[in-house]
Amino acid sequence: MLSVLKNRVFRHMFAAQVIAIVGTGLATVALGLIAYDIAGADASMVLGIALTIKMVSYVTLAPIAAALASQYPRRAWLVSLDILRALVALALPFVTEIWQIYVLIFVMQASSAGFTPAFQATIPEVLPEEEDYTTALSLSRLAYDIESLLSPSLAALLLTLVAAESLFFGTAVGFAASALLVVSVALPSPKPSVSRTGFYDRTTRGIRIYLKTPRLRGLLGLSAAAASVSAVVIINTVVIIRAELGLAEDMVALALAAFGAGSMLAAFVLPRVLRHLQDRPVMSAGAVIAILAQVGLALHVLIWQAALVPVLISWFLSGLGYSIILTPSGRLLKRSAQPQDRPAVFAAQFTLSHGCWLITYPLTGWSMSQLGMVPSLLILNAVALTGLLVARQYWPANDPESQAHSHPELAPDHPHLQEIPAQDGASAPIHKHPYIIDDLHKDYPPRAD
């Protein structure tokens, strides 16, 4: 798995990602402590609103940021956003009012909404080989899982030495180091097509390509499934462990670690699995594993009672399934967009997937508080099952990369027709090549089945 780190550009980009997300994790811990200092018992409400602001900024601003990013060199764009995030982190220790937290969090997350899709779209250009890119996706997934385990521990260690406010300075250092690592390498910056110059067109292009591509519509369904099973874990773990089971805070960390361990296992094994199996059955299997794990926990509680070991097993399998669903998604996005459109399509996935969490987070919280553990598990996994069925419907099992099609609107001497010869014996100029929605291919050919 580590062989891709021999690529200097990817090595620096991966290091930038790891340093930045660890810094963000430190900021998350510090923000909770600052919120408690300011709001006291209302700190959970403050953090809940901050999380909602984060999701709203992701959903609304990522396409706009992608449109802006296409007009600037990739490296300058990423470095500028890292610097902006570092400045916000430096400002957070000085907040004295709750509204200031909200404003700064919005600015930081708006910067992340611009940074993450552009960063993700750069990796397939740095690692064009499919196997290398798959390994890079697994490493990226692994980095997020390790961060979820490392940041709380590192924060706890640092808090024995420094005040909570100092953690924000660690975050700023992380973003500054990320910017320096990005500066240290040359990054590709594909030029946008000259035919699309309008800001509205650039803003909506990624989502239009996404929704017209069958495999990406399937990915949206699977993203809804992933959002549902992960929302149960993220929102309900503390209530299940503390209120339902009456256990201590360290058991909350253990349960979350079980979810992270399952996700890490998937990150390790997926590159080998995807050498032999297609994305669709693998990602569908991940959804089935996660759904069965959580429905099985609900049945266990109904038949017997809630207990720690079944929760840990369910959360481990949920993490395994969650990572199996999401890790290959970058392969689908890469396969479904021209190089110049990849930032927009990655931004579309960023927006739409976080839109799923914007729905499942409050649904999970409401169902747990109003109906209880078992109904919450069943409701959210009914949503997950619906997402899986939608994915199976819109993403055909027979999904060849190349599609036979014609271009009656093009002149016979059009350069595109000259690049790819027509099939012999066809009554119209039919040719075949990897089919991607772009200026010449505005809709997918009808399905043969």
Protein backbone atom coordinates (compact mmCIF):
# COMPACT_ATOMS: atom_id res chain seq x y z
CA MET A 1 0.00 0.00 0.00
CA LEU A 2 2.85 2.39 0.79
CA SER A 3 4.44 2.05 -2.65
CA VAL A 4 2.52 5.09 -3.95
CA LEU A 5 4.40 7.24 -1.45
CA LYS A 6 7.44 6.88 -3.72
CA ASN A 7 5.72 9.46 -5.92
CA ARG A 8 7.07 12.74 -4.55
CA VAL A 9 4.06 14.85 -5.47
CA PHE A 10 1.59 12.45 -3.90
CA ARG A 11 3.82 11.99 -0.85
CA HIS A 12 3.79 15.72 -0.19
CA MET A 13 0.06 16.03 -0.88
CA PHE A 14 -0.73 13.08 1.41
CA ALA A 15 1.45 14.53 4.17
CA ALA A 16 -0.37 17.86 3.75
CA GLN A 17 -3.71 16.07 4.10
CA VAL A 18 -2.68 14.16 7.23
CA ILE A 19 -1.24 17.22 8.97
CA ALA A 20 -4.28 19.34 8.14
CA ILE A 21 -6.87 16.81 9.34
CA VAL A 22 -5.01 16.16 12.60
CA GLY A 23 -4.97 19.92 13.16
CA THR A 24 -8.68 20.06 12.42
CA GLY A 25 -9.25 17.28 14.96
CA LEU A 26 -7.43 19.30 17.61
CA ALA A 27 -9.60 22.30 16.77
CA THR A 28 -12.75 20.19 17.16
CA VAL A 29 -11.76 19.18 20.70
CA ALA A 30 -10.78 22.74 21.59
CA LEU A 31 -13.99 24.15 20.13
CA GLY A 32 -16.05 21.94 22.42
CA LEU A 33 -14.15 23.21 25.46
CA ILE A 34 -14.41 26.85 24.36
CA ALA A 35 -18.13 26.41 23.74
CA TYR A 36 -18.56 25.02 27.25
CA ASP A 37 -16.64 27.94 28.75
CA ILE A 38 -18.91 30.42 26.96
CA ALA A 39 -22.28 28.63 26.94
CA GLY A 40 -22.09 26.22 29.87
CA ALA A 41 -24.92 23.70 29.77
CA ASP A 42 -25.96 24.99 26.34
CA ALA A 43 -22.62 23.93 24.80
CA SER A 44 -24.20 20.95 23.04
CA MET A 45 -26.67 23.27 21.31
CA VAL A 46 -23.79 25.54 20.25
CA LEU A 47 -21.87 22.60 18.81
CA GLY A 48 -24.99 21.27 17.12
CA ILE A 49 -25.54 24.60 15.39
CA ALA A 50 -21.84 24.73 14.45
CA LEU A 51 -22.14 21.26 12.88
CA THR A 52 -25.20 22.38 10.95
CA ILE A 53 -23.33 25.47 9.74
CA LYS A 54 -20.54 23.17 8.59
CA MET A 55 -22.91 21.01 6.54
CA VAL A 56 -24.81 23.97 5.08
CA SER A 57 -21.55 25.58 3.97
CA TYR A 58 -20.42 22.32 2.38
CA VAL A 59 -23.69 21.81 0.54
CA THR A 60 -24.09 25.36 -0.75
CA LEU A 61 -20.55 26.58 -1.35
CA ALA A 62 -18.66 23.62 -2.83
CA PRO A 63 -20.05 24.09 -6.40
CA ILE A 64 -19.39 27.84 -6.27
CA ALA A 65 -15.86 27.23 -5.03
CA ALA A 66 -15.28 24.68 -7.81
CA ALA A 67 -16.37 27.26 -10.40
CA LEU A 68 -13.96 29.79 -8.95
CA ALA A 69 -11.15 27.24 -8.63
CA SER A 70 -11.26 26.51 -12.36
CA GLN A 71 -10.09 30.07 -13.02
CA TYR A 72 -6.94 29.94 -10.88
CA PRO A 73 -3.80 27.78 -10.74
CA ARG A 74 -4.48 24.73 -8.59
CA ARG A 75 -1.51 25.21 -6.26
CA ALA A 76 -2.25 28.89 -5.60
CA TRP A 77 -5.90 28.04 -4.86
CA LEU A 78 -5.04 25.30 -2.33
CA VAL A 79 -2.36 27.36 -0.58
CA SER A 80 -4.65 30.41 -0.29
CA LEU A 81 -7.36 28.33 1.38
CA ASP A 82 -4.87 26.73 3.77
CA ILE A 83 -3.68 30.21 4.80
CA LEU A 84 -7.28 31.38 5.30
CA ARG A 85 -8.02 28.35 7.49
CA ALA A 86 -4.87 29.01 9.52
CA LEU A 87 -5.94 32.62 10.13
CA VAL A 88 -9.38 31.48 11.31
CA ALA A 89 -7.78 28.97 13.69
CA LEU A 90 -5.59 31.76 15.11
CA ALA A 91 -8.68 33.91 15.68
CA LEU A 92 -10.73 31.25 17.50
CA PRO A 93 -8.91 31.49 20.88
CA PHE A 94 -9.95 35.15 21.14
CA VAL A 95 -13.72 34.68 20.75
CA THR A 96 -15.88 35.97 23.58
CA GLU A 97 -19.36 35.59 22.05
CA ILE A 98 -21.19 32.61 20.61
CA TRP A 99 -21.96 34.39 17.32
CA GLN A 100 -18.23 34.82 16.75
CA ILE A 101 -17.82 31.03 16.90
CA TYR A 102 -20.52 30.65 14.24
CA VAL A 103 -18.94 33.21 11.90
CA LEU A 104 -15.44 31.77 12.18
CA ILE A 105 -16.66 28.19 11.77
CA PHE A 106 -18.55 29.22 8.63
CA VAL A 107 -15.42 30.82 7.16
CA MET A 108 -13.26 27.80 8.02
CA GLN A 109 -15.73 25.30 6.60
CA ALA A 110 -16.33 27.43 3.50
CA SER A 111 -12.57 27.25 2.94
CA SER A 112 -12.67 23.47 3.38
CA ALA A 113 -15.55 23.30 0.88
CA GLY A 114 -13.25 24.89 -1.66
CA PHE A 115 -10.11 23.00 -0.65
CA THR A 116 -11.24 19.38 -0.39
CA PRO A 117 -12.78 18.81 -3.87
CA ALA A 118 -9.87 20.57 -5.60
CA PHE A 119 -7.42 18.49 -3.55
CA GLN A 120 -9.28 15.25 -4.35
CA ALA A 121 -9.42 16.07 -8.07
CA THR A 122 -5.65 16.57 -8.13
CA ILE A 123 -4.75 13.06 -6.96
CA PRO A 124 -5.96 11.12 -10.07
CA GLU A 125 -3.88 13.48 -12.21
CA VAL A 126 -0.83 12.85 -10.05
CA LEU A 127 -1.46 9.07 -10.01
CA PRO A 128 -3.05 8.24 -13.40
CA GLU A 129 -2.71 4.44 -13.02
CA GLU A 130 -5.93 2.90 -11.69
CA GLU A 131 -4.22 0.60 -9.19
CA ASP A 132 -2.08 3.41 -7.77
CA TYR A 133 -5.10 5.68 -7.49
CA THR A 134 -7.11 2.97 -5.70
CA THR A 135 -4.28 2.59 -3.20
CA ALA A 136 -4.18 6.36 -2.72
CA LEU A 137 -7.91 6.39 -1.97
CA SER A 138 -7.43 3.70 0.67
CA LEU A 139 -4.56 5.63 2.23
CA SER A 140 -6.73 8.74 2.32
CA ARG A 141 -9.55 6.80 4.01
CA LEU A 142 -7.03 5.36 6.46
CA ALA A 143 -5.74 8.85 7.26
CA TYR A 144 -9.22 10.00 8.27
CA ASP A 145 -9.72 6.89 10.42
CA ILE A 146 -6.38 7.31 12.16
CA GLU A 147 -7.17 10.98 12.75
CA SER A 148 -10.43 10.06 14.48
CA LEU A 149 -8.39 7.92 16.90
CA LEU A 150 -5.25 10.07 17.15
CA SER A 151 -6.64 13.59 17.53
CA PRO A 152 -8.60 13.00 20.78
CA SER A 153 -5.60 11.21 22.32
CA LEU A 154 -3.17 13.90 21.18
CA ALA A 155 -5.53 16.61 22.43
CA ALA A 156 -5.79 14.91 25.82
CA LEU A 157 -1.99 14.74 26.05
CA LEU A 158 -1.56 18.39 25.06
CA LEU A 159 -4.25 19.54 27.49
CA THR A 160 -2.08 18.22 30.34
CA LEU A 161 0.59 20.69 29.20
CA VAL A 162 -1.25 23.70 27.75
CA ALA A 163 -4.61 25.47 27.88
CA ALA A 164 -7.42 24.49 25.50
CA GLU A 165 -6.97 27.68 23.50
CA SER A 166 -3.45 26.56 22.57
CA LEU A 167 -4.88 23.68 20.55
CA PHE A 168 -6.06 26.21 17.98
CA PHE A 169 -2.45 27.29 17.48
CA GLY A 170 -1.66 23.64 16.73
CA THR A 171 -4.40 23.71 14.12
CA ALA A 172 -2.94 26.86 12.56
CA VAL A 173 0.49 25.25 12.44
CA GLY A 174 -1.06 22.25 10.71
CA PHE A 175 -2.65 24.36 8.00
CA ALA A 176 0.57 26.35 7.54
CA ALA A 177 2.55 23.10 7.17
CA SER A 178 -0.04 21.86 4.68
CA ALA A 179 0.40 25.05 2.63
CA LEU A 180 4.19 24.65 2.63
CA LEU A 181 3.94 21.04 1.46
CA VAL A 182 1.60 22.04 -1.37
CA VAL A 183 3.97 24.86 -2.37
CA SER A 184 6.86 22.39 -2.52
CA VAL A 185 5.46 20.48 -5.53
CA ALA A 186 4.22 21.35 -9.00
CA LEU A 187 0.53 20.53 -9.48
CA PRO A 188 -1.43 20.13 -12.73
CA SER A 189 -4.08 22.75 -13.41
CA PRO A 190 -6.31 21.60 -16.31
CA LYS A 191 -7.69 24.51 -18.29
CA PRO A 192 -11.47 24.81 -18.59
CA SER A 193 -13.11 24.39 -21.97
CA VAL A 194 -13.25 27.65 -23.92
CA SER A 195 -16.91 27.00 -24.77
CA ARG A 196 -18.15 27.56 -21.22
CA THR A 197 -17.40 30.93 -19.75
CA GLY A 198 -20.54 31.73 -17.76
CA PHE A 199 -20.29 31.55 -13.97
CA TYR A 200 -23.67 29.80 -13.67
CA ASP A 201 -22.58 27.15 -16.15
CA ARG A 202 -19.34 26.55 -14.27
CA THR A 203 -21.17 26.44 -10.93
CA THR A 204 -23.77 23.87 -12.00
CA ARG A 205 -21.68 21.85 -14.45
CA GLY A 206 -20.42 19.31 -11.94
CA ILE A 207 -23.89 18.49 -10.61
CA ARG A 208 -25.31 18.27 -14.15
CA ILE A 209 -22.59 15.82 -15.20
CA TYR A 210 -23.09 13.89 -11.97
CA LEU A 211 -26.85 13.49 -12.28
CA LYS A 212 -26.66 12.50 -15.96
CA THR A 213 -24.17 9.69 -15.30
CA PRO A 214 -25.85 6.41 -14.23
CA ARG A 215 -22.99 5.15 -12.07
CA LEU A 216 -22.85 8.48 -10.23
CA ARG A 217 -26.59 8.44 -9.59
CA GLY A 218 -25.92 5.04 -8.06
CA LEU A 219 -23.11 6.54 -6.02
CA LEU A 220 -25.56 9.13 -4.65
CA GLY A 221 -27.84 6.33 -3.44
CA LEU A 222 -24.90 4.60 -1.78
CA SER A 223 -23.79 7.90 -0.25
CA ALA A 224 -27.24 8.17 1.34
CA ALA A 225 -26.78 4.66 2.74
CA ALA A 226 -23.35 5.59 4.14
CA ALA A 227 -24.72 8.80 5.65
CA SER A 228 -27.52 6.88 7.35
CA VAL A 229 -25.39 4.20 9.02
CA SER A 230 -22.65 6.65 10.03
CA ALA A 231 -25.16 9.16 11.45
CA VAL A 232 -26.41 6.47 13.82
CA VAL A 233 -22.88 5.95 15.10
CA ILE A 234 -21.85 9.61 15.28
CA ILE A 235 -25.06 10.93 16.86
CA ASN A 236 -26.31 8.03 18.97
CA THR A 237 -23.19 6.36 20.39
CA VAL A 238 -22.92 8.59 23.43
CA VAL A 239 -26.63 8.15 24.24
CA ILE A 240 -26.53 4.38 23.75
CA ILE A 241 -23.41 3.92 25.88
CA ARG A 242 -24.17 6.43 28.64
CA ALA A 243 -27.98 6.37 28.87
CA GLU A 244 -29.03 2.95 27.53
CA LEU A 245 -26.13 0.95 29.00
CA GLY A 246 -25.15 3.23 31.88
CA LEU A 247 -21.44 2.95 31.11
CA ALA A 248 -18.59 5.43 31.54
CA GLU A 249 -17.19 7.89 29.01
CA ASP A 250 -14.24 5.65 28.11
CA MET A 251 -16.70 3.12 26.70
CA VAL A 252 -17.96 5.81 24.31
CA ALA A 253 -14.41 6.13 23.01
CA LEU A 254 -14.16 2.33 22.75
CA ALA A 255 -17.37 2.12 20.70
CA LEU A 256 -16.22 4.86 18.32
CA ALA A 257 -12.84 3.13 18.07
CA ALA A 258 -14.63 -0.08 17.01
CA PHE A 259 -16.26 1.82 14.14
CA GLY A 260 -12.89 3.30 13.18
CA ALA A 261 -11.20 -0.11 13.36
CA GLY A 262 -13.73 -1.59 10.93
CA SER A 263 -13.18 1.32 8.55
CA MET A 264 -9.41 0.91 8.77
CA LEU A 265 -9.63 -2.81 8.00
CA ALA A 266 -11.61 -2.03 4.85
CA ALA A 267 -8.99 0.54 3.80
CA PHE A 268 -6.28 -2.11 4.09
CA VAL A 269 -8.04 -4.86 2.14
CA LEU A 270 -9.90 -2.88 -0.54
CA PRO A 271 -6.99 -2.29 -2.96
CA ARG A 272 -6.50 -6.05 -3.27
CA VAL A 273 -10.23 -6.76 -3.53
CA LEU A 274 -10.77 -4.15 -6.25
CA ARG A 275 -8.11 -5.76 -8.43
CA HIS A 276 -10.46 -8.70 -8.90
CA LEU A 277 -13.99 -7.32 -8.41
CA GLN A 278 -15.95 -4.43 -9.90
CA ASP A 279 -16.90 -1.39 -7.86
CA ARG A 280 -20.67 -1.91 -7.98
CA PRO A 281 -20.86 -5.31 -6.24
CA VAL A 282 -18.15 -4.36 -3.73
CA MET A 283 -19.82 -1.09 -2.71
CA SER A 284 -23.25 -2.75 -2.60
CA ALA A 285 -21.83 -5.46 -0.34
CA GLY A 286 -20.52 -2.74 1.97
CA ALA A 287 -24.01 -1.28 2.29
CA VAL A 288 -25.49 -4.72 3.00
CA ILE A 289 -22.89 -5.41 5.71
CA ALA A 290 -23.58 -2.09 7.48
CA ILE A 291 -27.36 -2.41 7.24
CA LEU A 292 -27.41 -5.99 8.51
CA ALA A 293 -25.08 -5.06 11.36
CA GLN A 294 -27.36 -2.30 12.63
CA VAL A 295 -30.64 -4.11 12.01
CA GLY A 296 -29.12 -7.11 13.79
CA LEU A 297 -28.35 -4.90 16.79
CA ALA A 298 -31.96 -3.66 16.83
CA LEU A 299 -33.24 -7.26 16.79
CA HIS A 300 -30.84 -8.22 19.57
CA VAL A 301 -32.17 -5.39 21.74
CA LEU A 302 -35.78 -6.41 20.99
CA ILE A 303 -35.24 -10.08 21.77
CA TRP A 304 -32.77 -9.74 24.66
CA GLN A 305 -31.51 -6.34 25.76
CA ALA A 306 -28.88 -3.73 24.93
CA ALA A 307 -25.35 -4.82 25.79
CA LEU A 308 -21.86 -3.52 25.09
CA VAL A 309 -20.48 -6.46 23.07
CA PRO A 310 -23.29 -6.46 20.45
CA VAL A 311 -22.88 -2.68 20.09
CA LEU A 312 -19.13 -3.05 19.55
CA ILE A 313 -19.64 -5.81 16.95
CA SER A 314 -22.33 -3.80 15.18
CA TRP A 315 -20.22 -0.65 15.13
CA PHE A 316 -17.15 -2.55 13.85
CA LEU A 317 -19.17 -4.03 10.98
CA SER A 318 -20.81 -0.64 10.35
CA GLY A 319 -17.36 0.94 10.01
CA LEU A 320 -16.27 -1.88 7.71
CA GLY A 321 -19.33 -1.42 5.47
CA TYR A 322 -19.12 2.38 5.58
CA SER A 323 -15.54 2.40 4.31
CA ILE A 324 -16.30 -0.22 1.65
CA ILE A 325 -19.07 2.04 0.34
CA LEU A 326 -17.12 5.29 0.22
CA THR A 327 -13.48 4.42 -0.48
CA PRO A 328 -13.97 3.46 -4.17
CA SER A 329 -16.09 6.55 -4.89
CA GLY A 330 -13.09 8.50 -6.20
CA ARG A 331 -12.57 5.83 -8.88
CA LEU A 332 -16.12 6.39 -10.13
CA LEU A 333 -15.69 10.16 -10.18
CA LYS A 334 -12.37 9.92 -12.03
CA ARG A 335 -13.89 7.54 -14.60
CA SER A 336 -16.92 9.80 -15.14
CA ALA A 337 -15.33 13.19 -15.85
CA GLN A 338 -12.88 14.76 -18.23
CA PRO A 339 -9.72 16.08 -16.48
CA GLN A 340 -10.90 19.69 -16.75
CA ASP A 341 -14.27 18.76 -15.21
CA ARG A 342 -12.96 16.66 -12.32
CA PRO A 343 -12.87 19.48 -9.73
CA ALA A 344 -16.52 20.28 -10.52
CA VAL A 345 -17.59 16.62 -10.34
CA PHE A 346 -15.67 16.03 -7.10
CA ALA A 347 -17.36 19.16 -5.74
CA ALA A 348 -20.74 17.76 -6.79
CA GLN A 349 -20.06 14.56 -4.82
CA PHE A 350 -18.88 16.67 -1.88
CA THR A 351 -22.09 18.73 -2.00
CA LEU A 352 -24.56 15.90 -2.56
CA SER A 353 -23.02 13.50 -0.05
CA HIS A 354 -22.97 16.16 2.66
CA GLY A 355 -26.55 16.97 1.72
CA CYS A 356 -27.33 13.38 2.73
CA TRP A 357 -25.73 13.96 6.15
CA LEU A 358 -27.66 17.21 6.48
CA ILE A 359 -30.81 15.05 6.39
CA THR A 360 -29.65 12.01 8.35
CA TYR A 361 -28.04 13.90 11.26
CA PRO A 362 -31.24 15.62 12.44
CA LEU A 363 -33.36 12.55 11.59
CA THR A 364 -31.11 10.41 13.79
CA GLY A 365 -31.17 12.86 16.66
CA TRP A 366 -34.94 13.29 16.49
CA SER A 367 -35.73 9.58 16.22
CA MET A 368 -33.40 8.66 19.10
CA SER A 369 -34.75 11.34 21.45
CA GLN A 370 -38.43 10.88 20.55
CA LEU A 371 -38.74 7.17 19.74
CA GLY A 372 -35.80 5.37 21.28
CA MET A 373 -32.86 3.23 20.21
CA VAL A 374 -34.59 0.46 18.24
CA PRO A 375 -36.92 2.71 16.18
CA SER A 376 -33.97 5.00 15.43
CA LEU A 377 -31.89 2.07 14.17
CA LEU A 378 -34.74 0.76 12.03
CA ILE A 379 -35.69 4.15 10.56
CA LEU A 380 -32.16 5.12 9.58
CA ASN A 381 -31.45 1.71 8.12
CA ALA A 382 -34.69 1.87 6.14
CA VAL A 383 -33.24 5.04 4.62
CA ALA A 384 -29.97 3.19 3.99
CA LEU A 385 -31.80 0.30 2.33
CA THR A 386 -33.70 2.75 0.13
CA GLY A 387 -30.39 4.30 -0.92
CA LEU A 388 -29.01 0.87 -1.79
CA LEU A 389 -32.08 -0.01 -3.87
CA VAL A 390 -31.87 3.34 -5.69
CA ALA A 391 -28.21 2.66 -6.43
CA ARG A 392 -28.98 -0.80 -7.81
CA GLN A 393 -31.73 0.66 -9.98
CA TYR A 394 -29.81 3.56 -11.52
CA TRP A 395 -26.35 1.97 -11.73
CA PRO A 396 -26.72 -0.92 -14.19
CA ALA A 397 -24.86 -4.15 -13.51
CA ASN A 398 -23.61 -4.00 -17.09
CA ASP A 399 -21.72 -0.72 -16.96
CA PRO A 400 -19.04 -0.84 -19.66
CA GLU A 401 -16.64 2.06 -19.71
CA SER A 402 -16.87 2.36 -23.51
CA GLN A 403 -20.25 2.95 -25.15
CA ALA A 404 -21.21 2.72 -28.82
CA HIS A 405 -22.95 5.90 -29.99
CA SER A 406 -23.34 8.30 -32.90
CA HIS A 407 -23.14 12.06 -33.41
CA PRO A 408 -25.75 13.04 -36.03
CA GLU A 409 -25.32 16.67 -35.01
CA LEU A 410 -21.64 16.72 -36.01
CA ALA A 411 -20.23 17.18 -39.50
CA PRO A 412 -18.47 14.07 -40.87
CA ASP A 413 -15.14 15.88 -40.78
CA HIS A 414 -15.49 16.96 -37.14
CA PRO A 415 -12.22 16.37 -35.25
CA HIS A 416 -13.95 14.13 -32.69
CA LEU A 417 -15.17 11.78 -35.42
CA GLN A 418 -11.74 11.77 -36.99
CA GLU A 419 -10.07 10.87 -33.70
CA ILE A 420 -12.23 7.78 -33.17
CA PRO A 421 -13.09 5.86 -36.36
CA ALA A 422 -16.65 4.73 -36.97
CA GLN A 423 -17.52 1.06 -36.70
CA ASP A 424 -17.50 -0.81 -39.99
CA GLY A 425 -20.84 -1.54 -41.63
CA ALA A 426 -22.80 1.01 -39.63
CA SER A 427 -25.54 2.92 -41.40
CA ALA A 428 -24.58 6.04 -39.37
CA PRO A 429 -21.20 7.19 -38.11
CA ILE A 430 -21.27 5.07 -34.93
CA HIS A 431 -18.12 4.88 -32.88
CA LYS A 432 -17.09 3.60 -29.45
CA HIS A 433 -14.90 5.04 -26.71
CA PRO A 434 -14.99 5.67 -22.93
CA TYR A 435 -18.24 7.60 -22.55
CA ILE A 436 -18.17 10.71 -20.38
CA ILE A 437 -20.70 13.53 -20.17
CA ASP A 438 -19.10 16.65 -21.68
CA ASP A 439 -19.75 19.28 -24.35
CA LEU A 440 -19.99 16.64 -27.10
CA HIS A 441 -21.78 13.97 -25.06
CA LYS A 442 -24.66 15.64 -23.28
CA ASP A 443 -26.64 12.52 -22.32
CA TYR A 444 -25.92 8.83 -21.84
CA PRO A 445 -26.90 6.45 -24.65
CA PRO A 446 -30.08 4.41 -23.92
CA ARG A 447 -29.46 1.25 -21.94
CA ALA A 448 -29.33 -1.90 -24.04
CA ASP A 449 -31.43 -3.84 -21.53
